[in-house]
Amino acid sequence: MSGWDFACPDWADRLKDGKSIVPDLPLDDAEAARAVAIFNKLRLPDVPGQPELRDAAGEWQRDIVRALFGSVQDGVRHVPELLLMVPKKSSKTTMGAALTITALLMNQRPRAEMIYVGPTQEVADLAFQQTVGMEQRVVVPASEIIHDRFNCFFHPLVGLSPIFANGLAATQGLAIQNSSTQYYQNGSMPGGILVAAGHIDQNDAEEMKASWEANYGGRNRGKVAVLGDGLKFEQLSMKNTDAQTIEQLKWSAEVVCSTYHVPPYKIGIGQAPTYNNVQALNVEYYSQALQVLIEAIELCLDEGLNTGESLGTEFDIDNLLRMDSVTQMDVLDKAAGIMTIDEMRRRLGLGKTTGGADVYLQQQNFSLTALQKRDQQDDPFGTGGGSSPAPAADEEPEMTPAAAQDAARAILEAEFKVMAPVLALPKPQRAA
C-alpha cells in the first residue's frame, strides 16, 4: 500500500465545487476505462425502458468504479474495500449489483465466485433481482431463428421430443427389468410344497424337508416318491404373467421404435425381412424414419437462410441408400447416357479418369428435335406411299471412240506385261 494516499483534505471545497471527493490515485487508466465501459452498458432493471447506466448513473458512481478496478497493479488490488455512505433511495442496491457484475466480467481468475450479501432475506432477494435484471437482453425476432419443430401438440412454436411420447413405455421397461432382477436375486419361490393332513412340529418338518431334498432334488429330480400319512406334494410353477417378461420387454421396445418410426429389426427386435435386398431395407428405413426429418431440416434451412429459388439445401443420402454390388452395377449400367464415367466412378469410390467427363450414348439414340423433324416429312419412314416420285435409276454414260481406244490400249498393255516373262524364256532344243 506504499505510495497510495487515500486522504482527501479538501473534501469540503470539492463538495462545494461539485467535484468528486475520490482522491487522486495512480490508477491503471486502461483498466479503469474498461471497467467504466462495462458499467455503462448495464441497465436499470426496474425502470420503464431499462435505460443504460451510461445515462442513469451519476459521475460519482463512475469515479468509484475507476478507483476499484483501476487499482490492480502487478496482481495486487490496492483498493480492496469500499465503504459507501449515501442517503436512502440513492440506488445503493443497484450500485452493488452493478459493481458485482462488473467485477465478474473484469476478473481474470477462472471460475471465480462473486458473492453479493444482503443483511436480510428481503434485501438479498432485491439484490438478486437487481443483479439478474441488469444484463442486456437481446430479443431476436422469430424470422431470424431457424426453428425445426417436431410434434407441436400444445403450441405451434413448442415441439415435443419423441422421448416424451415413449416416456411411459421406457419407464415400464425399466420397472420390469428392476422387478425381474430383484425376483431372480431373491429366488424366494420354492419348487414345491409338502402338505400333511395333520399338524407337524418343527423338527419333523425340517427332517422331512431335508430328506425330500436329498432324495428328490438336484440329480435325483424325477425319481418316484412314495408318500404316506396323508402327505401330498404340490409342485409350484411360475405364473403366466411372470413368464411373459420377455414379451413385455419386447412390447416396450416396439413402442419406442414406433415413436421414432424405426423398423424393429434395425435394433434387433423381431425377425428381419426374408428378402435379400439391402437397398430395399435401407429405403424402408429412410422413408419411415428419416425422410420427413431430413426434408423438414432442408426446408427450415432454405427458409431461414433465404436461399431463394436458385439455391437450396440437400443432404447427401447416397451412403444411406447404398445398394448391394450387383444392383449397384446394374443401375450404373442403365445410367449410361445420363451420367458421366467420372460420376459413375465416384459412386464406386473411384477417382477420375481420362475422358471420363463426357456422357457416352449409342449412335441409334436420336434427339427429340431430330425425331420431330423426321415426323414432319410427308413420308417420314420412306415407304414410297407418298406423292413424290421415286428417283430414276442411274444410266451408264456412252463411251466416246477416243475413250474406247484408250481402254483397249490399256488392256493390251496389261496383258503384255503378264506375257512378257513367258516370251523371254529360251526356246527348247530340238532333238537330233
Protein backbone atom coordinates (compact mmCIF):
# COMPACT_ATOMS: atom_id res chain seq x y z
CA MET A 1 0.00 0.00 0.00
CA SER A 2 3.07 2.27 -0.01
CA GLY A 3 2.75 5.28 -2.23
CA TRP A 4 -1.07 5.23 -2.14
CA ASP A 5 -2.57 8.13 -0.23
CA PHE A 6 -6.34 7.97 0.27
CA ALA A 7 -6.54 11.26 2.15
CA CYS A 8 -8.75 13.99 0.72
CA PRO A 9 -8.24 17.06 2.97
CA ASP A 10 -10.02 19.40 0.58
CA TRP A 11 -13.19 17.37 0.52
CA ALA A 12 -15.34 20.31 1.68
CA ASP A 13 -14.16 22.56 -1.14
CA ARG A 14 -14.68 19.75 -3.63
CA LEU A 15 -18.25 19.26 -2.50
CA LYS A 16 -18.92 22.99 -2.82
CA ASP A 17 -17.48 23.00 -6.32
CA GLY A 18 -19.40 19.84 -7.32
CA LYS A 19 -16.24 17.79 -7.74
CA SER A 20 -15.57 14.19 -6.78
CA ILE A 21 -14.23 13.52 -3.31
CA VAL A 22 -12.39 10.41 -4.51
CA PRO A 23 -8.69 11.23 -4.05
CA ASP A 24 -6.31 11.37 -6.96
CA LEU A 25 -4.81 7.89 -7.18
CA PRO A 26 -2.16 6.36 -9.50
CA LEU A 27 -4.71 4.15 -11.30
CA ASP A 28 -4.31 1.95 -14.34
CA ASP A 29 -6.16 4.19 -16.79
CA ALA A 30 -6.75 1.40 -19.35
CA GLU A 31 -8.32 -0.97 -16.81
CA ALA A 32 -10.31 1.87 -15.23
CA ALA A 33 -11.71 2.86 -18.64
CA ARG A 34 -12.55 -0.77 -19.42
CA ALA A 35 -14.45 -1.13 -16.13
CA VAL A 36 -16.40 2.09 -16.77
CA ALA A 37 -17.30 0.88 -20.28
CA ILE A 38 -18.75 -2.34 -18.80
CA PHE A 39 -20.54 -0.41 -16.06
CA ASN A 40 -22.11 1.97 -18.60
CA LYS A 41 -23.54 -0.91 -20.66
CA LEU A 42 -25.56 -2.29 -17.73
CA ARG A 43 -29.23 -1.38 -17.46
CA LEU A 44 -31.64 -0.41 -14.73
CA PRO A 45 -33.89 -3.47 -14.41
CA ASP A 46 -36.87 -1.85 -12.68
CA VAL A 47 -37.29 1.35 -14.70
CA PRO A 48 -39.50 1.59 -17.82
CA GLY A 49 -37.38 1.32 -20.92
CA GLN A 50 -34.46 -0.09 -18.90
CA PRO A 51 -32.03 2.78 -19.60
CA GLU A 52 -28.32 2.12 -19.55
CA LEU A 53 -26.23 3.27 -16.61
CA ARG A 54 -24.40 5.46 -19.09
CA ASP A 55 -27.43 7.75 -18.86
CA ALA A 56 -28.90 6.77 -15.48
CA ALA A 57 -25.82 6.65 -13.22
CA GLY A 58 -24.05 9.66 -11.73
CA GLU A 59 -20.46 10.60 -12.36
CA TRP A 60 -19.64 9.96 -8.69
CA GLN A 61 -20.56 6.32 -9.25
CA ARG A 62 -18.17 6.07 -12.19
CA ASP A 63 -15.43 7.59 -10.02
CA ILE A 64 -15.91 4.70 -7.58
CA VAL A 65 -15.76 2.17 -10.46
CA ARG A 66 -12.49 3.69 -11.68
CA ALA A 67 -10.93 3.57 -8.22
CA LEU A 68 -11.98 -0.03 -7.54
CA PHE A 69 -11.00 -1.67 -10.82
CA GLY A 70 -8.14 0.59 -11.85
CA SER A 71 -6.24 -0.06 -8.62
CA VAL A 72 -4.98 -3.52 -9.64
CA GLN A 73 -1.27 -3.33 -10.35
CA ASP A 74 1.07 -6.33 -10.63
CA GLY A 75 -1.73 -8.60 -9.43
CA VAL A 76 -2.33 -6.59 -6.26
CA ARG A 77 -5.61 -4.74 -5.65
CA HIS A 78 -4.66 -1.59 -3.79
CA VAL A 79 -8.31 -0.70 -3.09
CA PRO A 80 -9.58 -3.95 -1.56
CA GLU A 81 -12.58 -2.45 0.28
CA LEU A 82 -15.17 0.24 -0.27
CA LEU A 83 -17.33 1.99 2.33
CA LEU A 84 -20.13 3.86 0.62
CA MET A 85 -22.31 6.09 2.83
CA VAL A 86 -25.17 7.76 0.96
CA PRO A 87 -28.77 8.69 1.87
CA LYS A 88 -31.67 6.36 1.38
CA LYS A 89 -33.08 5.83 -2.09
CA SER A 90 -29.71 6.56 -3.64
CA SER A 91 -29.56 3.24 -5.59
CA LYS A 92 -27.26 1.54 -3.11
CA THR A 93 -28.62 -1.92 -4.00
CA THR A 94 -28.48 -1.15 -7.71
CA MET A 95 -24.94 0.16 -7.33
CA GLY A 96 -23.91 -3.01 -5.51
CA ALA A 97 -25.43 -5.17 -8.26
CA ALA A 98 -23.62 -3.19 -10.96
CA LEU A 99 -20.29 -3.48 -9.12
CA THR A 100 -20.82 -7.25 -8.74
CA ILE A 101 -21.44 -7.79 -12.45
CA THR A 102 -18.55 -5.51 -13.40
CA ALA A 103 -16.23 -7.43 -11.08
CA LEU A 104 -17.41 -10.72 -12.56
CA LEU A 105 -16.64 -9.55 -16.10
CA MET A 106 -13.35 -7.87 -15.17
CA ASN A 107 -11.99 -10.76 -13.12
CA GLN A 108 -9.12 -12.69 -14.69
CA ARG A 109 -9.15 -15.70 -12.35
CA PRO A 110 -11.03 -18.64 -13.94
CA ARG A 111 -14.26 -19.82 -12.27
CA ALA A 112 -14.16 -17.09 -9.64
CA GLU A 113 -17.18 -16.67 -7.35
CA MET A 114 -18.82 -13.31 -6.68
CA ILE A 115 -20.93 -13.08 -3.53
CA TYR A 116 -23.47 -10.29 -3.03
CA VAL A 117 -24.69 -10.45 0.57
CA GLY A 118 -27.78 -8.70 1.94
CA PRO A 119 -28.48 -8.05 5.65
CA THR A 120 -31.96 -9.60 5.43
CA GLN A 121 -33.71 -12.07 3.18
CA GLU A 122 -35.81 -9.27 1.69
CA VAL A 123 -32.75 -7.17 0.84
CA ALA A 124 -30.93 -10.23 -0.51
CA ASP A 125 -33.89 -11.05 -2.79
CA LEU A 126 -33.95 -7.45 -4.02
CA ALA A 127 -30.22 -7.51 -4.65
CA PHE A 128 -30.56 -10.75 -6.64
CA GLN A 129 -33.39 -9.33 -8.76
CA GLN A 130 -31.36 -6.21 -9.49
CA THR A 131 -28.32 -8.27 -10.45
CA VAL A 132 -30.02 -10.70 -12.84
CA GLY A 133 -32.07 -7.93 -14.40
CA MET A 134 -29.11 -5.75 -15.34
CA GLU A 135 -27.91 -7.96 -18.14
CA GLN A 136 -28.79 -6.58 -21.52
CA ARG A 137 -31.44 -8.77 -23.11
CA VAL A 138 -31.49 -9.09 -26.88
CA VAL A 139 -34.82 -10.16 -28.37
CA VAL A 140 -34.23 -12.00 -31.62
CA PRO A 141 -37.26 -11.94 -33.92
CA ALA A 142 -38.75 -15.27 -34.87
CA SER A 143 -37.95 -14.62 -38.53
CA GLU A 144 -34.22 -14.77 -37.69
CA ILE A 145 -34.42 -18.13 -35.88
CA ILE A 146 -34.22 -21.45 -37.71
CA HIS A 147 -36.63 -23.44 -35.58
CA ASP A 148 -37.23 -27.03 -36.64
CA ARG A 149 -40.27 -28.06 -34.60
CA PHE A 150 -41.47 -31.62 -34.12
CA ASN A 151 -44.76 -32.87 -32.67
CA CYS A 152 -46.30 -29.49 -31.88
CA PHE A 153 -49.17 -30.82 -29.75
CA PHE A 154 -49.69 -27.90 -27.38
CA HIS A 155 -48.26 -24.81 -29.12
CA PRO A 156 -47.21 -24.13 -32.73
CA LEU A 157 -43.78 -22.90 -31.58
CA VAL A 158 -43.16 -25.59 -28.97
CA GLY A 159 -42.35 -29.07 -30.19
CA LEU A 160 -42.16 -32.30 -28.26
CA SER A 161 -39.34 -34.80 -28.41
CA PRO A 162 -40.15 -38.45 -29.17
CA ILE A 163 -38.81 -39.12 -25.68
CA PHE A 164 -41.99 -37.52 -24.34
CA ALA A 165 -44.10 -39.94 -26.37
CA ASN A 166 -42.24 -43.08 -25.33
CA GLY A 167 -41.62 -41.99 -21.73
CA LEU A 168 -44.34 -44.28 -20.35
CA ALA A 169 -43.11 -47.32 -22.29
CA ALA A 170 -39.50 -46.67 -21.30
CA THR A 171 -40.49 -46.27 -17.64
CA GLN A 172 -42.45 -49.52 -17.77
CA GLY A 173 -39.49 -51.32 -19.35
CA LEU A 174 -37.16 -50.13 -16.61
CA ALA A 175 -39.64 -51.17 -13.94
CA ILE A 176 -39.93 -54.65 -15.50
CA GLN A 177 -36.15 -55.07 -15.58
CA ASN A 178 -35.72 -53.90 -11.98
CA SER A 179 -38.52 -56.19 -10.80
CA SER A 180 -37.06 -59.16 -12.68
CA THR A 181 -33.62 -58.51 -11.25
CA GLN A 182 -34.94 -58.45 -7.69
CA TYR A 183 -37.06 -61.54 -8.34
CA TYR A 184 -34.19 -63.68 -9.57
CA GLN A 185 -31.79 -62.31 -6.95
CA ASN A 186 -34.16 -63.24 -4.14
CA GLY A 187 -35.05 -66.65 -5.60
CA SER A 188 -37.77 -66.96 -2.97
CA MET A 189 -40.12 -69.12 -4.97
CA PRO A 190 -39.94 -72.83 -3.86
CA GLY A 191 -40.13 -75.71 -6.33
CA GLY A 192 -42.99 -77.34 -4.45
CA ILE A 193 -44.80 -77.84 -1.11
CA LEU A 194 -45.27 -80.96 1.04
CA VAL A 195 -48.74 -80.85 2.56
CA ALA A 196 -49.68 -83.02 5.51
CA ALA A 197 -53.20 -83.83 6.67
CA GLY A 198 -52.47 -83.02 10.31
CA HIS A 199 -50.17 -80.90 12.40
CA ILE A 200 -46.37 -81.36 12.02
CA ASP A 201 -43.96 -79.98 14.56
CA GLN A 202 -40.86 -78.05 13.55
CA ASN A 203 -38.38 -80.91 13.98
CA ASP A 204 -40.41 -83.34 11.86
CA ALA A 205 -40.90 -80.67 9.18
CA GLU A 206 -37.18 -79.95 8.94
CA GLU A 207 -36.30 -83.65 8.86
CA MET A 208 -38.90 -84.29 6.16
CA LYS A 209 -37.64 -81.34 4.11
CA ALA A 210 -34.02 -82.46 4.32
CA SER A 211 -34.96 -86.00 3.33
CA TRP A 212 -37.03 -84.78 0.37
CA GLU A 213 -34.27 -82.50 -0.94
CA ALA A 214 -31.66 -85.26 -0.58
CA ASN A 215 -33.74 -87.98 -2.29
CA TYR A 216 -35.62 -85.97 -4.93
CA GLY A 217 -33.63 -82.78 -5.50
CA GLY A 218 -30.70 -81.99 -7.77
CA ARG A 219 -29.59 -85.08 -9.70
CA ASN A 220 -32.38 -87.13 -8.14
CA ARG A 221 -35.02 -84.91 -9.66
CA GLY A 222 -37.70 -87.01 -11.38
CA LYS A 223 -37.46 -90.09 -9.13
CA VAL A 224 -40.58 -91.75 -7.81
CA ALA A 225 -41.63 -90.66 -4.33
CA VAL A 226 -43.76 -92.82 -2.01
CA LEU A 227 -45.77 -90.76 0.49
CA GLY A 228 -47.81 -91.90 3.46
CA ASP A 229 -49.79 -90.48 6.39
CA GLY A 230 -51.75 -88.22 4.06
CA LEU A 231 -48.68 -86.38 2.71
CA LYS A 232 -49.13 -84.71 -0.67
CA PHE A 233 -46.62 -82.89 -2.87
CA GLU A 234 -47.83 -79.84 -4.77
CA GLN A 235 -45.45 -78.53 -7.41
CA LEU A 236 -45.23 -74.77 -7.87
CA SER A 237 -44.61 -73.20 -11.26
CA MET A 238 -44.08 -69.65 -12.48
CA LYS A 239 -47.23 -67.72 -13.18
CA ASN A 240 -48.06 -66.88 -16.76
CA THR A 241 -47.74 -63.17 -16.06
CA ASP A 242 -44.22 -63.73 -14.66
CA ALA A 243 -43.26 -65.89 -17.63
CA GLN A 244 -44.17 -63.12 -20.10
CA THR A 245 -41.38 -60.78 -19.01
CA ILE A 246 -39.60 -61.09 -22.35
CA GLU A 247 -42.82 -60.38 -24.25
CA GLN A 248 -43.47 -57.32 -22.09
CA LEU A 249 -39.96 -56.01 -22.64
CA LYS A 250 -40.36 -56.63 -26.37
CA TRP A 251 -43.59 -54.66 -26.35
CA SER A 252 -41.86 -51.72 -24.63
CA ALA A 253 -39.09 -51.77 -27.23
CA GLU A 254 -41.61 -51.88 -30.07
CA VAL A 255 -43.43 -48.85 -28.67
CA VAL A 256 -40.15 -46.94 -28.53
CA CYS A 257 -39.43 -47.95 -32.13
CA SER A 258 -42.86 -46.76 -33.20
CA THR A 259 -42.33 -43.27 -31.77
CA TYR A 260 -39.13 -42.93 -33.81
CA HIS A 261 -40.64 -44.80 -36.81
CA VAL A 262 -37.65 -47.14 -36.80
CA PRO A 263 -38.25 -50.70 -38.09
CA PRO A 264 -37.86 -53.01 -35.06
CA TYR A 265 -35.44 -55.36 -36.82
CA LYS A 266 -32.96 -52.45 -37.07
CA ILE A 267 -32.35 -52.70 -33.31
CA GLY A 268 -32.62 -56.48 -33.05
CA ILE A 269 -36.32 -56.76 -32.20
CA GLY A 270 -38.14 -59.46 -34.13
CA GLN A 271 -37.14 -61.12 -37.37
CA ALA A 272 -35.64 -59.20 -40.26
CA PRO A 273 -37.38 -59.44 -43.65
CA THR A 274 -36.50 -62.59 -45.54
CA TYR A 275 -35.89 -60.99 -48.93
CA ASN A 276 -32.22 -60.38 -49.65
CA ASN A 277 -32.26 -56.79 -50.82
CA VAL A 278 -30.09 -54.37 -48.88
CA GLN A 279 -31.35 -51.37 -50.80
CA ALA A 280 -35.00 -52.17 -50.08
CA LEU A 281 -34.26 -52.37 -46.34
CA ASN A 282 -32.39 -49.06 -46.36
CA VAL A 283 -35.12 -47.38 -48.41
CA GLU A 284 -37.71 -48.58 -45.91
CA TYR A 285 -35.69 -47.19 -43.02
CA TYR A 286 -35.17 -43.88 -44.84
CA SER A 287 -38.79 -43.43 -45.89
CA GLN A 288 -40.25 -44.37 -42.48
CA ALA A 289 -37.81 -42.80 -40.03
CA LEU A 290 -35.54 -40.24 -41.67
CA GLN A 291 -37.14 -38.75 -44.75
CA VAL A 292 -39.64 -36.47 -43.00
CA LEU A 293 -36.94 -35.21 -40.60
CA ILE A 294 -34.35 -34.63 -43.33
CA GLU A 295 -36.81 -32.80 -45.57
CA ALA A 296 -38.01 -30.69 -42.62
CA ILE A 297 -34.43 -29.63 -41.84
CA GLU A 298 -33.78 -28.83 -45.51
CA LEU A 299 -36.93 -26.71 -45.68
CA CYS A 300 -36.09 -24.87 -42.45
CA LEU A 301 -32.57 -24.10 -43.69
CA ASP A 302 -33.87 -22.87 -47.05
CA GLU A 303 -36.42 -20.59 -45.41
CA GLY A 304 -34.13 -19.44 -42.61
CA LEU A 305 -31.17 -18.69 -44.91
CA ASN A 306 -33.45 -17.27 -47.61
CA THR A 307 -31.65 -19.19 -50.33
CA GLY A 308 -34.23 -18.32 -52.99
CA GLU A 309 -35.22 -20.45 -55.96
CA SER A 310 -31.76 -20.91 -57.47
CA LEU A 311 -30.12 -22.34 -54.33
CA GLY A 312 -31.19 -24.92 -51.81
CA THR A 313 -30.07 -27.29 -49.08
CA GLU A 314 -29.93 -31.02 -49.66
CA PHE A 315 -28.40 -33.76 -47.55
CA ASP A 316 -26.23 -36.38 -49.22
CA ILE A 317 -28.08 -39.66 -48.69
CA ASP A 318 -26.14 -41.75 -51.21
CA ASN A 319 -24.30 -43.65 -48.48
CA LEU A 320 -27.57 -44.27 -46.67
CA LEU A 321 -29.20 -45.81 -49.73
CA ARG A 322 -26.13 -47.75 -50.82
CA MET A 323 -27.11 -50.88 -52.74
CA ASP A 324 -25.57 -54.31 -52.98
CA SER A 325 -22.77 -54.61 -55.55
CA VAL A 326 -24.81 -56.44 -58.21
CA THR A 327 -27.71 -53.98 -58.10
CA GLN A 328 -25.34 -51.04 -57.98
CA MET A 329 -23.50 -52.12 -61.14
CA ASP A 330 -26.81 -52.75 -62.89
CA VAL A 331 -28.04 -49.26 -62.03
CA LEU A 332 -24.80 -47.66 -63.23
CA ASP A 333 -25.01 -49.62 -66.48
CA LYS A 334 -28.52 -48.30 -67.11
CA ALA A 335 -27.35 -44.78 -66.25
CA ALA A 336 -25.14 -44.64 -69.35
CA GLY A 337 -26.07 -41.61 -71.40
CA ILE A 338 -27.26 -39.79 -68.27
CA MET A 339 -24.21 -39.86 -66.02
CA THR A 340 -20.60 -39.33 -66.99
CA ILE A 341 -17.98 -42.00 -66.42
CA ASP A 342 -16.45 -39.96 -63.59
CA GLU A 343 -19.85 -39.64 -61.90
CA MET A 344 -20.29 -43.40 -62.07
CA ARG A 345 -16.79 -43.99 -60.72
CA ARG A 346 -17.45 -41.59 -57.86
CA ARG A 347 -20.40 -43.75 -56.82
CA LEU A 348 -17.95 -46.63 -56.51
CA GLY A 349 -15.41 -44.60 -54.57
CA LEU A 350 -13.02 -44.36 -57.54
CA GLY A 351 -11.18 -41.35 -58.90
CA LYS A 352 -11.48 -39.55 -62.21
CA THR A 353 -10.12 -40.98 -65.44
CA THR A 354 -9.12 -39.61 -68.83
CA GLY A 355 -12.18 -38.89 -70.94
CA GLY A 356 -14.49 -39.56 -68.04
CA ALA A 357 -16.10 -36.12 -68.09
CA ASP A 358 -18.16 -36.91 -71.21
CA VAL A 359 -21.55 -38.57 -71.48
CA TYR A 360 -21.48 -41.66 -73.72
CA LEU A 361 -24.51 -42.72 -75.75
CA GLN A 362 -25.06 -45.18 -78.59
CA GLN A 363 -25.50 -43.90 -82.15
CA GLN A 364 -29.04 -45.15 -82.63
CA ASN A 365 -30.32 -42.75 -79.97
CA PHE A 366 -31.75 -39.65 -81.62
CA SER A 367 -32.77 -36.37 -80.05
CA LEU A 368 -36.43 -35.47 -79.79
CA THR A 369 -35.82 -32.48 -82.07
CA ALA A 370 -34.43 -34.70 -84.81
CA LEU A 371 -37.32 -37.13 -84.49
CA GLN A 372 -39.80 -34.27 -84.68
CA LYS A 373 -38.23 -33.00 -87.91
CA ARG A 374 -38.38 -36.52 -89.36
CA ASP A 375 -42.06 -36.93 -88.45
CA GLN A 376 -42.91 -33.64 -90.18
CA GLN A 377 -41.94 -35.09 -93.58
CA ASP A 378 -44.57 -36.40 -95.99
CA ASP A 379 -43.10 -39.90 -95.95
CA PRO A 380 -41.05 -39.99 -92.68
CA PHE A 381 -40.27 -43.72 -92.89
CA GLY A 382 -39.55 -43.86 -96.69
CA THR A 383 -42.23 -46.41 -97.55
CA GLY A 384 -42.84 -44.98 -101.07
CA GLY A 385 -46.51 -44.38 -100.47
CA GLY A 386 -46.19 -40.65 -100.75
CA SER A 387 -46.93 -38.38 -103.72
CA SER A 388 -43.29 -37.73 -104.53
CA PRO A 389 -41.97 -39.84 -107.50
CA ALA A 390 -39.31 -42.41 -106.96
CA PRO A 391 -35.84 -41.39 -108.11
CA ALA A 392 -34.86 -42.65 -111.59
CA ALA A 393 -32.19 -45.33 -111.91
CA ASP A 394 -28.74 -44.15 -112.89
CA GLU A 395 -27.88 -44.76 -116.63
CA GLU A 396 -24.37 -45.55 -117.80
CA PRO A 397 -22.96 -42.75 -119.98
CA GLU A 398 -21.98 -43.54 -123.61
CA MET A 399 -18.21 -44.03 -124.25
CA THR A 400 -16.57 -41.89 -126.91
CA PRO A 401 -14.30 -43.50 -129.60
CA ALA A 402 -11.22 -41.96 -128.08
CA ALA A 403 -12.09 -43.29 -124.68
CA ALA A 404 -12.73 -46.78 -126.16
CA GLN A 405 -9.33 -46.71 -127.93
CA ASP A 406 -7.57 -45.72 -124.69
CA ALA A 407 -9.32 -48.50 -122.80
CA ALA A 408 -8.32 -51.11 -125.41
CA ARG A 409 -4.71 -49.93 -125.34
CA ALA A 410 -4.65 -50.20 -121.53
CA ILE A 411 -5.99 -53.75 -121.67
CA LEU A 412 -3.34 -54.83 -124.22
CA GLU A 413 -0.52 -53.26 -122.21
CA ALA A 414 -1.68 -55.08 -119.11
CA GLU A 415 -1.79 -58.41 -120.92
CA PHE A 416 1.66 -57.81 -122.47
CA LYS A 417 3.12 -57.20 -119.03
CA VAL A 418 1.73 -60.53 -117.93
CA MET A 419 3.02 -62.45 -121.00
CA ALA A 420 6.45 -60.78 -121.21
CA PRO A 421 8.21 -63.14 -118.80
CA VAL A 422 6.87 -66.13 -120.71
CA LEU A 423 8.10 -64.80 -124.06
CA ALA A 424 11.58 -64.23 -122.64
CA LEU A 425 12.15 -67.92 -121.82
CA PRO A 426 14.79 -69.78 -124.02
CA LYS A 427 13.46 -71.78 -126.91
CA PRO A 428 13.60 -75.56 -126.42
CA GLN A 429 16.21 -77.50 -128.46
CA ARG A 430 15.14 -79.96 -131.00
CA ALA A 431 16.29 -83.49 -130.63
CA ALA A 432 18.90 -84.76 -133.12
